Protein backbone atom coordinates (compact mmCIF):
# COMPACT_ATOMS: atom_id res chain seq x y z
CA MET A 1 -29.58 17.38 -36.28
CA CYS A 2 -30.83 19.40 -33.30
CA VAL A 3 -31.06 16.29 -31.23
CA GLU A 4 -27.40 15.31 -32.02
CA LYS A 5 -26.25 18.85 -31.25
CA MET A 6 -28.17 18.84 -27.95
CA THR A 7 -26.63 15.46 -27.05
CA LEU A 8 -23.14 16.73 -27.80
CA ILE A 9 -23.75 19.86 -25.64
CA MET A 10 -25.05 17.78 -22.78
CA SER A 11 -22.07 15.44 -23.02
CA LYS A 12 -19.64 18.40 -22.83
CA ILE A 13 -21.49 19.81 -19.83
CA MET A 14 -21.34 16.48 -17.98
CA SER A 15 -17.60 16.19 -18.85
CA ASN A 16 -16.90 19.70 -17.58
CA LYS A 17 -18.93 18.98 -14.44
CA ASN A 18 -16.77 15.99 -13.69
CA LEU A 19 -13.59 17.96 -14.15
CA ILE A 20 -14.86 20.77 -11.90
CA GLU A 21 -15.82 18.17 -9.25
CA ARG A 22 -12.41 16.54 -9.42
CA ASP A 23 -10.67 19.97 -9.11
CA ARG A 24 -12.83 20.90 -6.14
CA GLU A 25 -12.01 17.61 -4.41
CA ARG A 26 -8.31 18.13 -5.11
CA LEU A 27 -8.44 21.62 -3.63
CA THR A 28 -10.33 20.43 -0.55
CA VAL A 29 -7.70 17.80 0.27
CA GLN A 30 -4.90 20.32 -0.19
CA GLU A 31 -6.61 22.89 2.01
CA ASN A 32 -7.11 20.27 4.73
CA ALA A 33 -3.39 19.37 4.56
CA HIS A 34 -2.39 21.22 7.68
CA ASN A 35 -3.42 24.74 6.56
CA ILE A 36 -0.07 25.18 5.09
CA LEU A 37 0.54 28.58 3.45
CA LEU A 38 2.08 27.95 0.03
CA SER A 39 4.33 30.32 -1.87
CA LYS A 40 6.02 29.74 -5.22
CA LYS A 41 9.45 29.04 -3.74
CA LYS A 42 8.85 27.60 -0.24
CA TYR A 43 6.36 26.74 2.48
CA PHE A 44 5.73 29.07 5.31
CA TYR A 45 4.61 27.76 8.67
CA PRO A 46 3.34 30.64 10.87
CA ASN A 47 3.38 28.62 14.15
CA LYS A 48 4.73 25.23 15.14
CA ILE A 49 2.18 22.86 16.55
CA ASN A 50 2.92 21.75 20.09
CA LYS A 51 3.05 17.99 19.44
CA THR A 52 5.71 15.34 20.14
CA ILE A 53 6.47 12.95 17.30
CA GLU A 54 9.04 10.11 17.43
CA ILE A 55 10.28 8.61 14.14
CA VAL A 56 10.85 5.03 15.19
CA ILE A 57 13.42 2.84 13.29
CA VAL A 58 15.30 -0.40 13.82
CA PRO A 59 19.02 -1.08 13.09
CA GLU A 60 19.71 -1.80 9.47
CA LEU A 61 20.81 -5.26 8.35
CA ALA A 62 24.46 -5.85 7.66
CA ASP A 63 23.52 -6.92 4.11
CA ILE A 64 21.86 -3.79 2.71
CA THR A 65 20.48 -5.81 -0.25
CA ALA A 66 18.54 -8.24 2.09
CA ASN A 67 14.80 -7.92 2.54
CA GLN A 68 14.12 -6.68 6.11
CA GLN A 69 10.87 -8.57 6.69
CA ASN A 70 9.97 -6.77 9.90
CA VAL A 71 10.02 -3.38 8.16
CA GLY A 72 7.07 -2.52 5.98
CA ILE A 73 8.00 1.07 5.07
CA ILE A 74 11.66 2.03 4.49
CA LEU A 75 11.91 5.61 5.68
CA ASP A 76 14.40 8.34 4.95
CA GLU A 77 14.20 9.26 8.61
CA LYS A 78 16.51 12.27 8.40
CA LEU A 79 14.50 13.85 5.60
CA ILE A 80 11.24 13.18 7.46
CA LEU A 81 12.69 14.66 10.61
CA LYS A 82 13.53 17.81 8.69
CA ILE A 83 10.01 18.08 7.23
CA LEU A 84 8.11 17.34 10.44
CA SER A 85 10.33 19.71 12.46
CA LYS A 86 9.08 22.60 10.33
CA ARG A 87 5.52 21.95 11.42
CA TYR A 88 5.75 20.32 14.83
CA ARG A 89 7.59 21.54 17.93
CA ASN A 90 9.14 18.24 19.23
CA VAL A 91 10.33 15.71 16.65
CA SER A 92 13.07 13.15 17.11
CA ILE A 93 14.40 9.88 15.73
CA THR A 94 14.33 6.82 18.05
CA GLU A 95 16.19 3.57 17.22
CA ILE A 96 14.69 0.55 19.02
CA ASN A 97 17.29 -2.05 19.83
CA THR A 98 15.83 -3.80 22.93
CA GLU A 99 12.50 -4.38 24.60
CA ASN A 100 13.55 -1.86 27.27
CA ASP A 101 13.87 0.83 24.54
CA LEU A 102 10.30 0.09 23.54
CA LYS A 103 9.10 0.34 27.23
CA LYS A 104 10.86 3.73 27.49
CA LEU A 105 8.99 4.87 24.35
CA ALA A 106 5.71 3.93 25.91
CA LEU A 107 6.55 5.80 29.11
CA ARG A 108 7.42 8.95 27.09
CA LYS A 109 4.02 8.65 25.40
CA PRO A 110 4.53 10.82 22.32
CA ASP A 111 1.54 12.12 20.55
CA LEU A 112 2.46 10.19 17.40
CA VAL A 113 4.95 7.45 16.43
CA PHE A 114 5.82 7.76 12.74
CA SER A 115 7.27 4.48 11.70
CA GLY A 116 7.38 1.82 9.04
CA VAL A 117 8.35 -0.96 11.49
CA LYS A 118 5.96 -3.95 11.60
CA TYR A 119 7.33 -5.88 14.52
CA PHE A 120 10.47 -6.34 16.70
CA TYR A 121 12.49 -9.47 17.35
CA PHE A 122 13.24 -9.65 21.10
CA ALA A 123 14.46 -12.44 23.38
CA GLY A 124 10.98 -12.89 24.82
CA GLY A 125 9.37 -13.15 21.34
CA ILE A 126 8.05 -10.86 18.65
CA ILE A 127 6.15 -7.68 19.49
CA TRP A 128 4.05 -5.91 16.83
CA LEU A 129 4.70 -2.24 17.05
CA ASN A 130 1.27 -0.72 16.21
CA ASP A 131 -0.63 -3.13 18.41
CA TYR A 132 1.75 -2.29 21.21
CA LEU A 133 1.11 1.41 20.65
CA GLU A 134 -2.66 0.85 20.73
CA LEU A 135 -2.18 -0.91 24.06
CA HIS A 136 -0.45 2.19 25.39
CA ASP A 137 -2.93 4.61 23.78
CA ILE A 138 -0.32 6.13 21.42
CA SER A 139 -1.25 7.16 17.84
CA TYR A 140 0.59 5.81 14.81
CA ILE A 141 0.54 5.77 11.00
CA ALA A 142 -0.67 2.85 8.87
CA SER A 143 -2.54 -0.37 9.87
CA ASN A 144 -2.43 -2.69 12.82
CA ARG A 145 -1.37 -6.39 12.96
CA THR A 146 -4.79 -7.81 11.97
CA ALA A 147 -4.97 -5.75 8.74
CA LEU A 148 -1.30 -6.49 7.93
CA HIS A 149 -1.98 -10.23 8.40
CA ASN A 150 -4.96 -9.87 5.97
CA GLU A 151 -2.70 -8.56 3.16
CA HIS A 152 0.57 -10.38 3.96
CA ASP A 153 -0.49 -13.74 2.50
CA LYS A 154 -1.92 -12.91 -0.98
CA SER A 155 -4.24 -15.89 -0.95
CA ILE A 156 -5.85 -14.79 2.34
CA ALA A 157 -6.27 -11.28 0.90
CA LYS A 158 -7.90 -12.66 -2.20
CA LYS A 159 -10.30 -14.81 -0.11
CA ILE A 160 -11.31 -11.75 1.89
CA ILE A 161 -11.80 -9.82 -1.33
CA GLN A 162 -13.98 -12.60 -2.84
CA LYS A 163 -16.09 -12.69 0.37
CA ALA A 164 -16.69 -8.98 -0.07
CA ASN A 165 -17.92 -9.57 -3.64
CA ILE A 166 -14.98 -7.74 -5.22
CA ARG A 167 -13.59 -9.11 -8.47
CA THR A 168 -10.24 -10.89 -8.35
CA ALA A 169 -8.76 -13.47 -10.70
CA ASP A 170 -9.37 -17.24 -9.96
CA PHE A 171 -6.45 -18.72 -8.10
CA PHE A 172 -4.85 -21.50 -6.12
CA THR A 173 -1.63 -22.09 -4.24
CA THR A 174 0.98 -24.74 -4.79
CA GLU A 175 4.56 -25.89 -4.39
CA PRO A 176 6.72 -28.34 -6.29
CA GLY A 177 5.21 -31.85 -6.54
CA GLU A 178 1.79 -30.76 -5.26
CA HIS A 179 0.13 -30.70 -8.73
CA GLN A 180 1.45 -33.76 -10.59
CA ASN A 181 -0.05 -33.25 -14.08
CA GLU A 182 -2.04 -30.79 -16.10
CA MET A 183 -5.40 -32.43 -15.18
CA SER A 184 -4.79 -31.60 -11.50
CA ILE A 185 -4.60 -27.85 -12.17
CA PRO A 186 -8.03 -26.30 -11.23
CA ILE A 187 -7.98 -23.29 -13.63
CA ALA A 188 -7.21 -22.91 -17.28
CA PHE A 189 -4.05 -21.71 -18.97
CA PRO A 190 -2.60 -19.08 -19.36
CA LEU A 191 -1.60 -18.61 -15.77
CA PHE A 192 0.34 -16.03 -13.82
CA ILE A 193 2.62 -17.32 -11.02
CA LYS A 194 4.29 -15.33 -8.23
CA PRO A 195 5.43 -15.91 -4.61
CA LEU A 196 2.63 -16.17 -2.06
CA THR A 197 4.11 -13.44 0.10
CA GLY A 198 6.44 -10.44 -0.37
CA GLY A 199 6.37 -7.11 -2.27
CA ASP A 200 8.22 -5.13 -4.88
CA SER A 201 7.42 -7.88 -7.50
CA ARG A 202 10.11 -10.14 -6.03
CA GLY A 203 9.97 -13.42 -7.89
CA VAL A 204 8.04 -11.97 -10.86
CA ASP A 205 9.80 -12.16 -14.22
CA ALA A 206 9.22 -13.03 -17.92
CA ASN A 207 8.59 -16.66 -16.88
CA SER A 208 5.67 -15.73 -14.58
CA ILE A 209 3.21 -16.08 -17.50
CA VAL A 210 2.84 -19.80 -18.33
CA TYR A 211 0.89 -21.49 -21.14
CA ASP A 212 1.68 -25.12 -20.47
CA PHE A 213 2.35 -27.64 -17.61
CA LEU A 214 6.09 -27.80 -18.09
CA SER A 215 6.49 -24.00 -17.78
CA PHE A 216 4.17 -24.14 -14.72
CA GLN A 217 6.38 -26.74 -13.03
CA ALA A 218 9.52 -24.73 -13.81
CA LYS A 219 8.27 -21.48 -12.42
CA VAL A 220 6.87 -23.07 -9.21
CA LEU A 221 10.24 -24.79 -8.65
CA ASP A 222 12.08 -21.52 -9.37
CA ILE A 223 10.09 -19.68 -6.65
CA LYS A 224 10.67 -22.48 -4.14
CA ARG A 225 14.45 -22.57 -4.80
CA LYS A 226 15.05 -18.79 -4.86
CA HIS A 227 12.54 -17.59 -2.22
CA ASN A 228 11.59 -20.76 -0.26
CA LEU A 229 7.87 -19.89 -0.65
CA ARG A 230 4.74 -21.38 -1.93
CA SER A 231 3.41 -20.00 -5.24
CA LEU A 232 0.20 -18.12 -5.93
CA VAL A 233 -1.25 -19.18 -9.26
CA GLU A 234 -3.82 -16.97 -10.90
CA THR A 235 -5.72 -16.71 -14.14
CA TYR A 236 -3.62 -14.41 -16.30
CA LEU A 237 -5.19 -10.94 -16.82
CA SER A 238 -3.91 -9.35 -20.05
CA GLY A 239 -5.26 -5.80 -19.62
CA LYS A 240 -3.83 -2.55 -18.28
CA GLU A 241 -2.22 -2.33 -14.87
CA TYR A 242 -3.03 0.25 -12.18
CA SER A 243 -2.10 1.11 -8.59
CA VAL A 244 -4.49 3.11 -6.38
CA SER A 245 -3.19 4.86 -3.33
CA ILE A 246 -5.60 5.46 -0.43
CA LEU A 247 -5.50 8.30 2.12
CA GLN A 248 -7.97 8.23 4.99
CA ASP A 249 -9.22 11.52 6.45
CA HIS A 250 -9.58 10.67 10.16
CA SER A 251 -11.64 13.76 10.90
CA ASN A 252 -14.57 12.17 9.01
CA GLY A 253 -13.35 8.66 8.03
CA ASN A 254 -13.60 9.40 4.30
CA LEU A 255 -11.27 7.58 1.94
CA LYS A 256 -9.54 9.41 -0.89
CA ALA A 257 -8.52 7.14 -3.83
CA MET A 258 -5.74 8.26 -6.09
CA PRO A 259 -5.37 5.96 -9.21
CA ILE A 260 -2.34 5.83 -11.49
CA GLU A 261 -1.72 3.69 -14.55
CA ILE A 262 1.64 1.78 -14.68
CA VAL A 263 3.07 0.98 -18.11
CA ALA A 264 5.95 -1.40 -18.51
CA LYS A 265 7.75 -1.94 -21.79
CA LYS A 266 6.79 -5.03 -23.82
CA ASN A 267 9.27 -7.86 -23.35
CA ILE A 268 10.54 -10.20 -26.05
CA SER A 269 7.29 -12.22 -25.87
CA GLY A 270 5.15 -9.09 -26.29
CA HIS A 271 3.93 -9.02 -22.70
CA ARG A 272 4.04 -6.05 -20.33
CA ILE A 273 5.23 -7.54 -17.00
CA LEU A 274 5.89 -5.29 -14.01
CA ASP A 275 8.71 -7.39 -12.72
CA TYR A 276 11.29 -6.85 -9.95
CA ASP A 277 14.02 -5.49 -12.21
CA ILE A 278 11.68 -2.98 -13.85
CA LYS A 279 10.55 -1.67 -10.47
CA GLU A 280 13.97 -1.68 -8.97
CA ASN A 281 15.42 0.39 -11.84
CA ASP A 282 12.36 2.66 -12.35
CA HIS A 283 11.98 1.59 -16.01
CA GLU A 284 8.10 1.68 -15.84
CA LYS A 285 6.06 4.72 -16.90
CA VAL A 286 3.51 6.17 -14.49
CA ILE A 287 0.61 8.19 -15.93
CA GLU A 288 -2.55 9.90 -14.78
CA VAL A 289 -5.91 8.18 -15.23
CA SER A 290 -7.82 10.62 -17.37
CA ASN A 291 -10.86 8.50 -18.32
CA SER A 292 -13.52 9.45 -15.76
CA LYS A 293 -15.34 6.03 -16.07
CA VAL A 294 -12.15 4.05 -15.44
CA PHE A 295 -11.08 6.55 -12.70
CA ASN A 296 -14.41 5.87 -10.80
CA GLN A 297 -14.22 2.11 -11.31
CA LEU A 298 -10.68 1.98 -9.87
CA SER A 299 -11.61 4.28 -7.02
CA ASP A 300 -14.66 2.30 -5.95
CA LEU A 301 -12.89 -1.07 -6.19
CA SER A 302 -9.82 0.14 -4.18
CA LYS A 303 -11.90 1.77 -1.45
CA ASN A 304 -14.02 -1.37 -1.06
CA ALA A 305 -10.86 -3.53 -0.93
CA PHE A 306 -9.13 -1.29 1.61
CA THR A 307 -12.20 -1.43 3.82
CA ALA A 308 -12.62 -5.20 3.46
CA LEU A 309 -9.02 -5.73 4.55
CA ASP A 310 -9.51 -3.43 7.62
CA GLY A 311 -6.98 -0.95 6.31
CA LYS A 312 -6.26 2.25 8.26
CA SER A 313 -4.83 5.70 7.39
CA LEU A 314 -3.02 4.86 4.12
CA GLY A 315 -2.43 2.06 1.69
CA ARG A 316 -2.13 0.97 -1.91
CA ILE A 317 -4.36 -1.39 -3.87
CA ASP A 318 -3.01 -2.90 -7.10
CA ILE A 319 -5.52 -3.55 -9.88
CA LYS A 320 -5.41 -5.13 -13.33
CA MET A 321 -7.91 -5.26 -16.16
CA ASP A 322 -8.84 -8.44 -18.00
CA HIS A 323 -9.02 -8.64 -21.76
CA ARG A 324 -12.47 -6.99 -21.66
CA GLY A 325 -11.32 -4.01 -19.60
CA VAL A 326 -12.96 -5.24 -16.35
CA PRO A 327 -10.86 -4.30 -13.22
CA HIS A 328 -9.74 -7.02 -10.84
CA PHE A 329 -8.06 -6.80 -7.40
CA ILE A 330 -4.42 -8.05 -7.57
CA GLU A 331 -2.94 -7.38 -4.13
CA ALA A 332 -2.74 -4.83 -1.41
CA ASN A 333 0.01 -2.96 0.44
CA LEU A 334 -1.16 -1.49 3.76
CA MET A 335 2.30 -0.08 4.49
CA PRO A 336 3.16 1.60 1.18
CA GLY A 337 6.58 3.12 0.62
CA LEU A 338 6.96 6.74 1.64
CA ARG A 339 9.90 7.56 -0.61
CA LYS A 340 9.21 8.75 -4.10
CA GLY A 341 7.49 5.62 -5.42
CA TYR A 342 3.91 4.86 -6.45
CA PHE A 343 2.28 6.38 -3.34
CA TYR A 344 4.01 9.71 -3.83
CA LYS A 345 3.42 9.68 -7.59
CA SER A 346 -0.27 9.05 -6.91
CA CYS A 347 -0.46 12.10 -4.57
CA LEU A 348 1.47 14.22 -7.14
CA LEU A 349 -0.61 13.27 -10.17
CA ASN A 350 -4.03 13.30 -8.47
CA LEU A 351 -3.66 16.06 -5.91
CA ASN A 352 -0.70 18.08 -7.18
CA MET A 353 0.73 17.34 -3.70
CA SER A 354 4.47 17.78 -3.02
CA TYR A 355 6.51 15.22 -1.15
CA GLU A 356 6.58 17.54 1.86
CA GLN A 357 2.79 17.95 1.87
CA MET A 358 2.43 14.16 1.56
CA ILE A 359 4.58 13.46 4.68
CA LEU A 360 2.74 16.19 6.68
CA THR A 361 -0.63 14.84 5.62
CA VAL A 362 0.33 11.32 6.79
CA ALA A 363 1.47 12.71 10.14
CA ASP A 364 -1.63 14.93 10.51
CA ASN A 365 -3.93 11.97 9.78
CA GLY A 366 -2.02 9.88 12.40
CA LEU A 367 -2.40 12.62 15.00
CA SER A 368 -6.13 13.00 14.38
CA SER A 369 -6.87 9.27 14.23
CA GLN A 370 -9.29 7.80 16.79
CA ARG A 371 -7.46 5.60 19.20
CA ILE A 372 -8.54 2.04 19.36
CA HIS A 373 -8.67 0.22 22.69
CA PHE A 374 -8.43 -3.52 23.17
CA GLN A 375 -11.03 -5.03 25.45
CA SER A 376 -8.47 -7.19 27.11
CA THR A 377 -6.58 -5.98 30.21
CA LYS A 378 -3.46 -3.94 29.73
CA GLN A 379 -1.09 -6.85 30.17
CA LEU A 380 1.35 -7.53 27.38
CA LYS A 381 1.28 -11.31 27.81
CA GLY A 382 -1.36 -12.87 25.58
CA HIS A 383 -2.11 -9.58 23.84
CA PRO A 384 -2.27 -9.63 20.06
CA ALA A 385 0.87 -7.34 20.07
CA THR A 386 2.99 -10.37 21.06
CA GLU A 387 1.64 -12.76 18.42
CA ARG A 388 4.15 -14.07 15.96
CA PRO A 389 3.93 -13.05 12.30
CA HIS A 390 2.42 -15.56 9.94
């Protein structure tokens, strides 16, 4: 009896220790977030920091429902301008329409470019923004072209993840007519099928889970017709779904993982599928990960995946459990949304961080990031900044 009581006491002590450690980490991150003085009703900034920040955007497409492929993070630039202007002395919005606009930006040499633009379409070709900024020794948020290439094609990301000995579901890629019969499919049913590239669960629906060859053919054809893309086919994982946001502290290089669980309603077939419509209409439920063992598993996997993909500053790693509760890498987003989606909800649930604090933390990390220099000469021609997207 004494032994059982002692075991129970030790278990409670360890549980309390984990909670205290988590609270201490949460407080440390908040304290580092710009030394903001917090009151119950508003934030008070004693002195503005003498830094110049340009919020760089591109013209919106005429069709507002279209997917603007050269933009990774859709910003509410006016709101971000308002937030950053409280903390920093010189903040402005810059719309880039021509290559000359970009050259003028480089000549102004702001301390930070806050932007969700991946690349620009110019008459002379495509220029990747963050690589261009590195070339001109200008700090920015998010990852460079190499990292974005690693996560853009989901099969490339999964191969990198496999090479790093991180669990991910077995997979292959295909398009209509490539696999002629059931015997030619290299992994067993049930399977999960989605477009090879793209985000926001575009192309994912109730028909993404397939149990037979006819359903497989139909979904692969559907993706080709609607999205003109190859399909990524994976072993179906039936467990819980998570998203882990990552924030990198550039003062020491440490990664902070912020897991959340995402729960979609069961569909008519009894499956919980986080499809495009559910995400678009915010019909999913987002909850805190309270189990310390699962929290640590998700944190470790996401940090390892972020590092393997050469992520920088911030990102999001999606993870799903199999039927035994073993976490697997699903995909990565190294330019996560900075509105009030999963990244913000991760900051709120894990760090009790407001939206304003989140934006200021992203900017602060960008300003304190170490600048990377290419070994090549500072000539734009032939530089990775001018390579075309894959």
